[in-house]
N, C-alpha and C. Protein backbone atom coordinates (compact mmCIF):
# COMPACT_ATOMS: atom_id res chain seq x y z
N MET A 1 10.81 38.40 -7.51
CA MET A 1 10.45 37.08 -7.06
C MET A 1 10.14 37.15 -5.55
N ALA A 2 9.04 36.51 -5.15
CA ALA A 2 8.62 36.59 -3.74
C ALA A 2 9.49 35.73 -2.85
N LEU A 3 9.77 36.27 -1.66
CA LEU A 3 10.57 35.57 -0.65
C LEU A 3 9.79 35.52 0.64
N PRO A 4 9.99 34.48 1.45
CA PRO A 4 9.27 34.42 2.72
C PRO A 4 9.76 35.51 3.69
N LYS A 5 8.83 36.08 4.44
CA LYS A 5 9.19 37.17 5.37
C LYS A 5 9.90 36.60 6.61
N LYS A 6 9.45 35.44 7.11
CA LYS A 6 10.02 34.86 8.32
C LYS A 6 10.31 33.39 8.12
N LYS A 7 11.22 32.88 8.97
CA LYS A 7 11.57 31.47 8.92
C LYS A 7 10.37 30.64 9.43
N ILE A 8 10.09 29.54 8.76
CA ILE A 8 9.04 28.61 9.20
C ILE A 8 9.63 27.73 10.31
N SER A 9 8.98 27.70 11.44
CA SER A 9 9.49 26.95 12.59
C SER A 9 9.36 25.45 12.33
N ARG A 10 10.11 24.66 13.10
CA ARG A 10 10.07 23.21 12.93
C ARG A 10 8.70 22.64 13.27
N ALA A 11 8.02 23.24 14.26
CA ALA A 11 6.71 22.76 14.63
C ALA A 11 5.68 23.02 13.51
N ARG A 12 5.72 24.18 12.91
CA ARG A 12 4.79 24.49 11.82
C ARG A 12 5.07 23.62 10.59
N ARG A 13 6.35 23.42 10.30
CA ARG A 13 6.70 22.54 9.18
C ARG A 13 6.26 21.12 9.44
N GLY A 14 6.47 20.64 10.68
CA GLY A 14 6.07 19.28 11.04
C GLY A 14 4.57 19.09 11.01
N THR A 15 3.83 20.11 11.43
CA THR A 15 2.39 20.05 11.40
C THR A 15 1.89 19.93 9.97
N ARG A 16 2.49 20.66 9.06
CA ARG A 16 2.09 20.59 7.67
C ARG A 16 2.39 19.23 7.07
N ARG A 17 3.48 18.62 7.47
CA ARG A 17 3.89 17.33 6.92
C ARG A 17 3.28 16.12 7.62
N ALA A 18 2.45 16.37 8.64
CA ALA A 18 1.90 15.27 9.48
C ALA A 18 1.05 14.31 8.65
N HIS A 19 0.47 14.77 7.57
CA HIS A 19 -0.46 13.95 6.78
C HIS A 19 0.23 13.24 5.64
N GLN A 20 1.55 13.38 5.52
CA GLN A 20 2.25 12.81 4.37
C GLN A 20 2.90 11.47 4.68
N ALA A 21 2.67 10.90 5.88
CA ALA A 21 3.28 9.64 6.26
C ALA A 21 2.73 8.52 5.39
N LEU A 22 3.57 7.55 5.06
CA LEU A 22 3.15 6.39 4.30
C LEU A 22 2.54 5.35 5.22
N SER A 23 1.45 4.74 4.78
CA SER A 23 0.82 3.68 5.55
C SER A 23 1.28 2.32 5.01
N PRO A 24 1.34 1.31 5.87
CA PRO A 24 1.79 0.00 5.40
C PRO A 24 0.79 -0.60 4.41
N VAL A 25 1.27 -1.44 3.53
CA VAL A 25 0.43 -2.08 2.52
C VAL A 25 -0.40 -3.17 3.22
N ALA A 26 -1.71 -3.13 2.96
CA ALA A 26 -2.62 -4.13 3.55
C ALA A 26 -2.46 -5.45 2.84
N THR A 27 -2.34 -6.55 3.58
CA THR A 27 -2.24 -7.88 3.02
C THR A 27 -3.19 -8.82 3.74
N VAL A 28 -3.69 -9.79 2.99
CA VAL A 28 -4.49 -10.88 3.54
C VAL A 28 -3.89 -12.18 3.02
N SER A 29 -4.25 -13.28 3.63
CA SER A 29 -3.72 -14.55 3.14
C SER A 29 -4.67 -15.15 2.13
N CYS A 30 -4.08 -15.77 1.11
CA CYS A 30 -4.86 -16.40 0.05
C CYS A 30 -5.60 -17.61 0.62
N PRO A 31 -6.91 -17.76 0.33
CA PRO A 31 -7.64 -18.93 0.89
C PRO A 31 -7.18 -20.24 0.29
N ASN A 32 -6.50 -20.20 -0.86
CA ASN A 32 -6.07 -21.44 -1.52
C ASN A 32 -4.67 -21.87 -1.09
N CYS A 33 -3.71 -20.92 -1.11
CA CYS A 33 -2.32 -21.30 -0.86
C CYS A 33 -1.72 -20.64 0.38
N ASN A 34 -2.49 -19.80 1.07
CA ASN A 34 -2.07 -19.08 2.28
C ASN A 34 -0.87 -18.16 2.10
N GLU A 35 -0.59 -17.73 0.88
CA GLU A 35 0.44 -16.76 0.62
C GLU A 35 -0.15 -15.34 0.84
N PRO A 36 0.65 -14.40 1.27
CA PRO A 36 0.11 -13.02 1.43
C PRO A 36 -0.19 -12.40 0.08
N LYS A 37 -1.30 -11.69 0.02
CA LYS A 37 -1.71 -11.02 -1.24
C LYS A 37 -2.47 -9.75 -0.87
N ARG A 38 -2.61 -8.83 -1.81
CA ARG A 38 -3.38 -7.62 -1.60
C ARG A 38 -4.87 -7.98 -1.62
N PRO A 39 -5.69 -7.35 -0.79
CA PRO A 39 -7.13 -7.69 -0.78
C PRO A 39 -7.82 -7.28 -2.09
N HIS A 40 -8.78 -8.06 -2.49
CA HIS A 40 -9.59 -7.86 -3.69
C HIS A 40 -8.75 -7.90 -4.95
N ARG A 41 -7.68 -8.70 -4.91
CA ARG A 41 -6.81 -8.85 -6.10
C ARG A 41 -6.49 -10.33 -6.31
N LEU A 42 -6.05 -10.65 -7.46
CA LEU A 42 -5.68 -12.01 -7.84
C LEU A 42 -4.44 -12.41 -7.08
N CYS A 43 -4.38 -13.69 -6.64
CA CYS A 43 -3.15 -14.19 -5.98
C CYS A 43 -2.15 -14.52 -7.09
N LEU A 44 -0.99 -13.89 -7.00
CA LEU A 44 0.02 -14.07 -8.03
C LEU A 44 0.78 -15.39 -7.92
N SER A 45 0.72 -16.05 -6.76
CA SER A 45 1.47 -17.30 -6.60
C SER A 45 0.68 -18.51 -7.07
N CYS A 46 -0.69 -18.50 -6.97
CA CYS A 46 -1.46 -19.66 -7.38
C CYS A 46 -2.49 -19.33 -8.47
N GLY A 47 -2.81 -18.06 -8.71
CA GLY A 47 -3.71 -17.68 -9.79
C GLY A 47 -5.17 -17.72 -9.39
N HIS A 48 -5.50 -17.80 -8.13
CA HIS A 48 -6.89 -17.87 -7.66
C HIS A 48 -7.37 -16.46 -7.30
N TYR A 49 -8.67 -16.24 -7.51
CA TYR A 49 -9.34 -15.08 -6.97
C TYR A 49 -10.50 -15.61 -6.17
N GLY A 50 -10.40 -15.61 -4.84
CA GLY A 50 -11.37 -16.23 -4.00
C GLY A 50 -11.25 -17.75 -4.15
N GLU A 51 -12.32 -18.38 -4.56
CA GLU A 51 -12.31 -19.85 -4.76
C GLU A 51 -12.13 -20.25 -6.23
N LYS A 52 -12.08 -19.29 -7.14
CA LYS A 52 -12.00 -19.59 -8.58
C LYS A 52 -10.57 -19.53 -9.09
N GLN A 53 -10.22 -20.49 -9.96
CA GLN A 53 -8.93 -20.45 -10.65
C GLN A 53 -9.11 -19.50 -11.85
N VAL A 54 -8.37 -18.38 -11.88
CA VAL A 54 -8.56 -17.40 -12.90
C VAL A 54 -7.48 -17.51 -13.98
N ILE A 55 -6.23 -17.66 -13.57
CA ILE A 55 -5.15 -17.81 -14.54
C ILE A 55 -4.35 -19.04 -14.18
N GLU A 56 -3.67 -19.58 -15.15
CA GLU A 56 -2.79 -20.73 -14.95
C GLU A 56 -1.38 -20.22 -14.67
N VAL A 57 -0.81 -20.63 -13.54
CA VAL A 57 0.50 -20.17 -13.13
C VAL A 57 1.49 -21.30 -13.25
N ASP A 58 2.65 -21.04 -13.89
CA ASP A 58 3.70 -22.04 -14.01
C ASP A 58 4.56 -21.94 -12.75
N TYR A 59 4.85 -23.09 -12.15
CA TYR A 59 5.67 -23.09 -10.92
C TYR A 59 7.11 -23.26 -11.21
């Protein structure tokens, strides 16, 4: 079984992991109810997509 020849330094390990950071979730406010929602998705609190009522939501 293969083993590493030398220890990987903290800088090299950190450089490799630099692209793995999580980015925050993008949110916009719903034009109907001003609740935060994901862009280009249905608003789960009021059921609107843009200006159209798509689903009926029970409050």
